[in-house]
Amino acid sequence: MSNPHSTVHYLVPRAELASEEDLSALSERGITKSKLPLVRKGDAGLKGLSFSVGQVVKFFRQSKITGGEEVFFRLIVE
């Protein structure tokens, strides 16, 4: 599920719900939900998406240095 923003802006990264595979890969690296950085449910990057508090979001953004896509995870809080 990708961002259904009515207007897409280059400063707003694409977001989707982290899959169980993503969460298990994080767990194998010793990263638990409590260790993830936080994002508020009302954040502009989550606008138009139906996520709940406690879920993990996977963000994708373009790297200015490598030109490739970087992936990072955030835990949704109220």
C-alpha atoms as a PDB file:
ATOM      1  CA  MET A   1       0.000   0.000   0.000  1.00  0.00           C
ATOM      2  CA  SER A   2       1.682   3.211  -1.108  1.00  0.00           C
ATOM      3  CA  ASN A   3       0.837   6.816  -0.346  1.00  0.00           C
ATOM      4  CA  PRO A   4      -2.452   7.887  -1.925  1.00  0.00           C
ATOM      5  CA  HIS A   5      -1.604  11.589  -1.505  1.00  0.00           C
ATOM      6  CA  SER A   6      -3.619  13.796  -3.787  1.00  0.00           C
ATOM      7  CA  THR A   7      -0.451  15.858  -4.267  1.00  0.00           C
ATOM      8  CA  VAL A   8       2.904  14.164  -4.236  1.00  0.00           C
ATOM      9  CA  HIS A   9       5.868  16.215  -3.085  1.00  0.00           C
ATOM     10  CA  TYR A  10       9.518  15.195  -3.273  1.00  0.00           C
ATOM     11  CA  LEU A  11      10.019  16.001   0.420  1.00  0.00           C
ATOM     12  CA  VAL A  12       7.292  13.541   1.509  1.00  0.00           C
ATOM     13  CA  PRO A  13       8.672   9.989   1.393  1.00  0.00           C
ATOM     14  CA  ARG A  14       6.565   7.080   0.175  1.00  0.00           C
ATOM     15  CA  ALA A  15       5.215   5.031   3.096  1.00  0.00           C
ATOM     16  CA  GLU A  16       3.690   1.603   3.568  1.00  0.00           C
ATOM     17  CA  LEU A  17       2.933  -0.731   6.437  1.00  0.00           C
ATOM     18  CA  ALA A  18       5.939  -2.886   7.375  1.00  0.00           C
ATOM     19  CA  SER A  19       5.360  -6.555   6.524  1.00  0.00           C
ATOM     20  CA  GLU A  20       5.893  -9.455   8.901  1.00  0.00           C
ATOM     21  CA  GLU A  21       9.056 -10.275   6.922  1.00  0.00           C
ATOM     22  CA  ASP A  22      10.360  -6.741   7.540  1.00  0.00           C
ATOM     23  CA  LEU A  23       9.646  -7.034  11.257  1.00  0.00           C
ATOM     24  CA  SER A  24      11.327 -10.448  11.525  1.00  0.00           C
ATOM     25  CA  ALA A  25      14.390  -9.116   9.646  1.00  0.00           C
ATOM     26  CA  LEU A  26      14.588  -6.232  12.130  1.00  0.00           C
ATOM     27  CA  SER A  27      14.188  -8.675  15.012  1.00  0.00           C
ATOM     28  CA  GLU A  28      17.051 -10.823  13.700  1.00  0.00           C
ATOM     29  CA  ARG A  29      19.242  -7.708  13.831  1.00  0.00           C
ATOM     30  CA  GLY A  30      18.214  -7.099  17.463  1.00  0.00           C
ATOM     31  CA  ILE A  31      15.864  -4.221  16.687  1.00  0.00           C
ATOM     32  CA  THR A  32      12.556  -4.322  18.546  1.00  0.00           C
ATOM     33  CA  LYS A  33       9.587  -1.971  18.166  1.00  0.00           C
ATOM     34  CA  SER A  34      10.624  -0.163  21.354  1.00  0.00           C
ATOM     35  CA  LYS A  35      14.003   0.688  19.790  1.00  0.00           C
ATOM     36  CA  LEU A  36      12.543   2.222  16.619  1.00  0.00           C
ATOM     37  CA  PRO A  37      12.296   5.993  16.146  1.00  0.00           C
ATOM     38  CA  LEU A  38       8.767   7.330  16.566  1.00  0.00           C
ATOM     39  CA  VAL A  39       6.371   9.061  14.185  1.00  0.00           C
ATOM     40  CA  ARG A  40       3.100  10.656  15.223  1.00  0.00           C
ATOM     41  CA  LYS A  41      -0.106   9.302  13.732  1.00  0.00           C
ATOM     42  CA  GLY A  42      -0.945  12.820  12.477  1.00  0.00           C
ATOM     43  CA  ASP A  43       2.397  13.274  10.669  1.00  0.00           C
ATOM     44  CA  ALA A  44       2.143  14.738   7.155  1.00  0.00           C
ATOM     45  CA  GLY A  45       3.957  11.691   5.745  1.00  0.00           C
ATOM     46  CA  LEU A  46       1.074   9.492   6.874  1.00  0.00           C
ATOM     47  CA  LYS A  47      -1.686  11.761   5.585  1.00  0.00           C
ATOM     48  CA  GLY A  48      -4.389   9.796   3.806  1.00  0.00           C
ATOM     49  CA  LEU A  49      -3.177   6.429   5.112  1.00  0.00           C
ATOM     50  CA  SER A  50      -5.116   4.349   7.600  1.00  0.00           C
ATOM     51  CA  PHE A  51      -2.470   3.252  10.078  1.00  0.00           C
ATOM     52  CA  SER A  52      -2.993   2.609  13.797  1.00  0.00           C
ATOM     53  CA  VAL A  53      -0.939   3.429  16.845  1.00  0.00           C
ATOM     54  CA  GLY A  54       1.570   0.614  17.500  1.00  0.00           C
ATOM     55  CA  GLN A  55       2.065  -0.342  13.853  1.00  0.00           C
ATOM     56  CA  VAL A  56       5.433  -0.014  12.113  1.00  0.00           C
ATOM     57  CA  VAL A  57       5.672   2.062   8.949  1.00  0.00           C
ATOM     58  CA  LYS A  58       8.278   1.525   6.255  1.00  0.00           C
ATOM     59  CA  PHE A  59       9.366   4.772   4.560  1.00  0.00           C
ATOM     60  CA  PHE A  60      11.236   4.996   1.250  1.00  0.00           C
ATOM     61  CA  ARG A  61      13.236   8.053   0.220  1.00  0.00           C
ATOM     62  CA  GLN A  62      15.748   8.844  -2.483  1.00  0.00           C
ATOM     63  CA  SER A  63      19.342   9.271  -1.344  1.00  0.00           C
ATOM     64  CA  LYS A  64      20.986  12.450  -2.581  1.00  0.00           C
ATOM     65  CA  ILE A  65      24.386  10.781  -2.274  1.00  0.00           C
ATOM     66  CA  THR A  66      23.891   7.357  -3.850  1.00  0.00           C
ATOM     67  CA  GLY A  67      20.840   8.138  -5.948  1.00  0.00           C
ATOM     68  CA  GLY A  68      19.288   4.891  -4.723  1.00  0.00           C
ATOM     69  CA  GLU A  69      16.311   4.350  -2.509  1.00  0.00           C
ATOM     70  CA  GLU A  70      16.791   4.201   1.260  1.00  0.00           C
ATOM     71  CA  VAL A  71      14.400   2.385   3.577  1.00  0.00           C
ATOM     72  CA  PHE A  72      13.748   3.327   7.171  1.00  0.00           C
ATOM     73  CA  PHE A  73      11.227   2.268   9.793  1.00  0.00           C
ATOM     74  CA  ARG A  74       9.183   4.198  12.370  1.00  0.00           C
ATOM     75  CA  LEU A  75       6.773   3.155  15.127  1.00  0.00           C
ATOM     76  CA  ILE A  76       3.460   5.042  15.082  1.00  0.00           C
ATOM     77  CA  VAL A  77       2.506   6.780  18.316  1.00  0.00           C
ATOM     78  CA  GLU A  78      -0.431   8.996  19.222  1.00  0.00           C
END
